[in-house]
């Protein structure tokens, strides 16, 4: 993970989940050099729970 990584604020997460809820398609973009490092398993699990 990069030193420049900054976690999202609570407000940003609210906007993210609102956009996900309203979306018809969810696209997860992974870094082809290291796909496992660019995945967000917690988000993926929640999307599955939401039925997205």
N, C-alpha and C. Protein backbone atom coordinates (compact mmCIF):
# COMPACT_ATOMS: atom_id res chain seq x y z
N UNK A 1 0.84 -1.17 0.00
CA UNK A 1 0.00 0.00 0.00
C UNK A 1 0.89 1.24 0.00
N UNK A 2 0.46 2.23 -0.72
CA UNK A 2 1.22 3.46 -0.87
C UNK A 2 1.25 4.27 0.42
N UNK A 3 2.32 5.03 0.60
CA UNK A 3 2.42 5.93 1.75
C UNK A 3 1.39 7.05 1.64
N UNK A 4 0.96 7.35 0.42
CA UNK A 4 0.01 8.44 0.18
C UNK A 4 -1.43 8.02 0.41
N UNK A 5 -1.66 6.75 0.74
CA UNK A 5 -3.03 6.26 0.95
C UNK A 5 -3.65 6.96 2.15
N UNK A 6 -4.85 7.48 1.94
CA UNK A 6 -5.60 8.09 3.04
C UNK A 6 -6.98 7.44 3.06
N UNK A 7 -7.39 6.93 4.21
CA UNK A 7 -8.71 6.30 4.26
C UNK A 7 -9.82 7.32 4.01
N UNK A 8 -10.92 6.83 3.50
CA UNK A 8 -12.05 7.71 3.24
C UNK A 8 -12.68 8.20 4.53
N UNK A 9 -13.17 9.40 4.52
CA UNK A 9 -13.87 9.93 5.68
C UNK A 9 -15.27 9.34 5.74
N UNK A 10 -15.92 9.50 6.87
CA UNK A 10 -17.28 8.96 7.02
C UNK A 10 -18.22 9.52 5.95
N UNK A 11 -18.09 10.81 5.66
CA UNK A 11 -18.94 11.42 4.64
C UNK A 11 -18.70 10.84 3.26
N UNK A 12 -17.45 10.55 2.95
CA UNK A 12 -17.11 9.96 1.65
C UNK A 12 -17.69 8.56 1.53
N UNK A 13 -17.62 7.79 2.61
CA UNK A 13 -18.21 6.44 2.59
C UNK A 13 -19.72 6.51 2.40
N UNK A 14 -20.39 7.46 3.03
CA UNK A 14 -21.84 7.62 2.85
C UNK A 14 -22.17 7.88 1.39
N UNK A 15 -21.40 8.77 0.76
CA UNK A 15 -21.62 9.08 -0.65
C UNK A 15 -21.35 7.85 -1.52
N UNK A 16 -20.29 7.12 -1.18
CA UNK A 16 -19.94 5.92 -1.93
C UNK A 16 -21.08 4.91 -1.88
N UNK A 17 -21.59 4.61 -0.68
CA UNK A 17 -22.64 3.60 -0.54
C UNK A 17 -23.95 4.07 -1.16
N UNK A 18 -24.23 5.38 -1.12
CA UNK A 18 -25.43 5.90 -1.78
C UNK A 18 -25.32 5.68 -3.29
N UNK A 19 -24.15 5.96 -3.86
CA UNK A 19 -23.94 5.75 -5.29
C UNK A 19 -24.05 4.28 -5.65
N UNK A 20 -23.52 3.41 -4.79
CA UNK A 20 -23.60 1.96 -5.04
C UNK A 20 -25.06 1.51 -5.03
N UNK A 21 -25.81 2.00 -4.06
CA UNK A 21 -27.21 1.62 -3.94
C UNK A 21 -28.00 2.03 -5.18
N UNK A 22 -27.69 3.19 -5.75
CA UNK A 22 -28.41 3.70 -6.91
C UNK A 22 -27.90 3.14 -8.23
N UNK A 23 -26.76 2.46 -8.22
CA UNK A 23 -26.13 2.00 -9.46
C UNK A 23 -26.78 0.74 -10.01
N UNK A 24 -26.78 0.63 -11.32
CA UNK A 24 -27.23 -0.59 -11.99
C UNK A 24 -26.07 -1.56 -12.17
N UNK A 25 -24.88 -1.02 -12.32
CA UNK A 25 -23.68 -1.83 -12.54
C UNK A 25 -22.58 -1.34 -11.61
N UNK A 26 -21.86 -2.29 -11.01
CA UNK A 26 -20.72 -1.97 -10.16
C UNK A 26 -19.48 -2.50 -10.87
N UNK A 27 -18.49 -1.65 -11.05
CA UNK A 27 -17.25 -2.03 -11.71
C UNK A 27 -16.10 -1.84 -10.73
N UNK A 28 -15.39 -2.91 -10.47
CA UNK A 28 -14.22 -2.83 -9.59
C UNK A 28 -12.97 -2.87 -10.45
N UNK A 29 -12.17 -1.85 -10.38
CA UNK A 29 -10.96 -1.74 -11.18
C UNK A 29 -9.79 -2.20 -10.33
N UNK A 30 -9.05 -3.18 -10.84
CA UNK A 30 -7.91 -3.73 -10.12
C UNK A 30 -6.62 -3.39 -10.85
N UNK A 31 -5.56 -3.28 -10.09
CA UNK A 31 -4.23 -3.05 -10.65
C UNK A 31 -3.72 -4.39 -11.17
N UNK A 32 -3.47 -4.52 -12.47
CA UNK A 32 -3.06 -5.81 -13.02
C UNK A 32 -1.69 -6.29 -12.52
N UNK A 33 -0.90 -5.39 -11.98
CA UNK A 33 0.42 -5.78 -11.48
C UNK A 33 0.29 -6.54 -10.15
N UNK A 34 -0.77 -6.23 -9.40
CA UNK A 34 -0.96 -6.89 -8.10
C UNK A 34 -2.45 -6.84 -7.72
N UNK A 35 -3.28 -7.63 -8.39
CA UNK A 35 -4.71 -7.59 -8.15
C UNK A 35 -5.13 -7.82 -6.69
N UNK A 36 -4.55 -8.79 -5.99
CA UNK A 36 -5.00 -8.99 -4.60
C UNK A 36 -4.77 -7.77 -3.70
N UNK A 37 -3.73 -7.00 -3.97
CA UNK A 37 -3.45 -5.83 -3.14
C UNK A 37 -4.40 -4.67 -3.43
N UNK A 38 -5.02 -4.66 -4.61
CA UNK A 38 -5.91 -3.56 -4.94
C UNK A 38 -7.38 -3.89 -4.71
N UNK A 39 -7.67 -5.09 -4.23
CA UNK A 39 -9.04 -5.48 -3.92
C UNK A 39 -9.44 -4.97 -2.55
N UNK A 40 -10.73 -4.83 -2.34
CA UNK A 40 -11.27 -4.42 -1.05
C UNK A 40 -12.29 -5.47 -0.62
N UNK A 41 -11.81 -6.56 0.03
CA UNK A 41 -12.71 -7.66 0.39
C UNK A 41 -13.91 -7.24 1.24
N UNK A 42 -13.74 -6.29 2.12
CA UNK A 42 -14.87 -5.85 2.96
C UNK A 42 -15.97 -5.23 2.09
N UNK A 43 -15.57 -4.44 1.11
CA UNK A 43 -16.54 -3.83 0.21
C UNK A 43 -17.20 -4.91 -0.65
N UNK A 44 -16.41 -5.85 -1.15
CA UNK A 44 -16.96 -6.94 -1.96
C UNK A 44 -17.99 -7.74 -1.18
N UNK A 45 -17.69 -8.05 0.07
CA UNK A 45 -18.62 -8.82 0.90
C UNK A 45 -19.93 -8.05 1.11
N UNK A 46 -19.80 -6.76 1.37
CA UNK A 46 -21.01 -5.96 1.59
C UNK A 46 -21.84 -5.85 0.32
N UNK A 47 -21.18 -5.76 -0.83
CA UNK A 47 -21.92 -5.73 -2.10
C UNK A 47 -22.69 -7.01 -2.30
N UNK A 48 -22.08 -8.15 -1.97
CA UNK A 48 -22.77 -9.44 -2.09
C UNK A 48 -23.98 -9.47 -1.16
N UNK A 49 -23.79 -8.98 0.07
CA UNK A 49 -24.90 -8.94 1.04
C UNK A 49 -26.05 -8.06 0.52
N UNK A 50 -25.69 -6.98 -0.16
CA UNK A 50 -26.69 -6.05 -0.69
C UNK A 50 -27.36 -6.59 -1.96
N UNK A 51 -26.78 -7.65 -2.53
CA UNK A 51 -27.32 -8.20 -3.76
C UNK A 51 -26.90 -7.44 -5.00
N UNK A 52 -25.82 -6.71 -4.92
CA UNK A 52 -25.34 -5.91 -6.06
C UNK A 52 -24.37 -6.71 -6.90
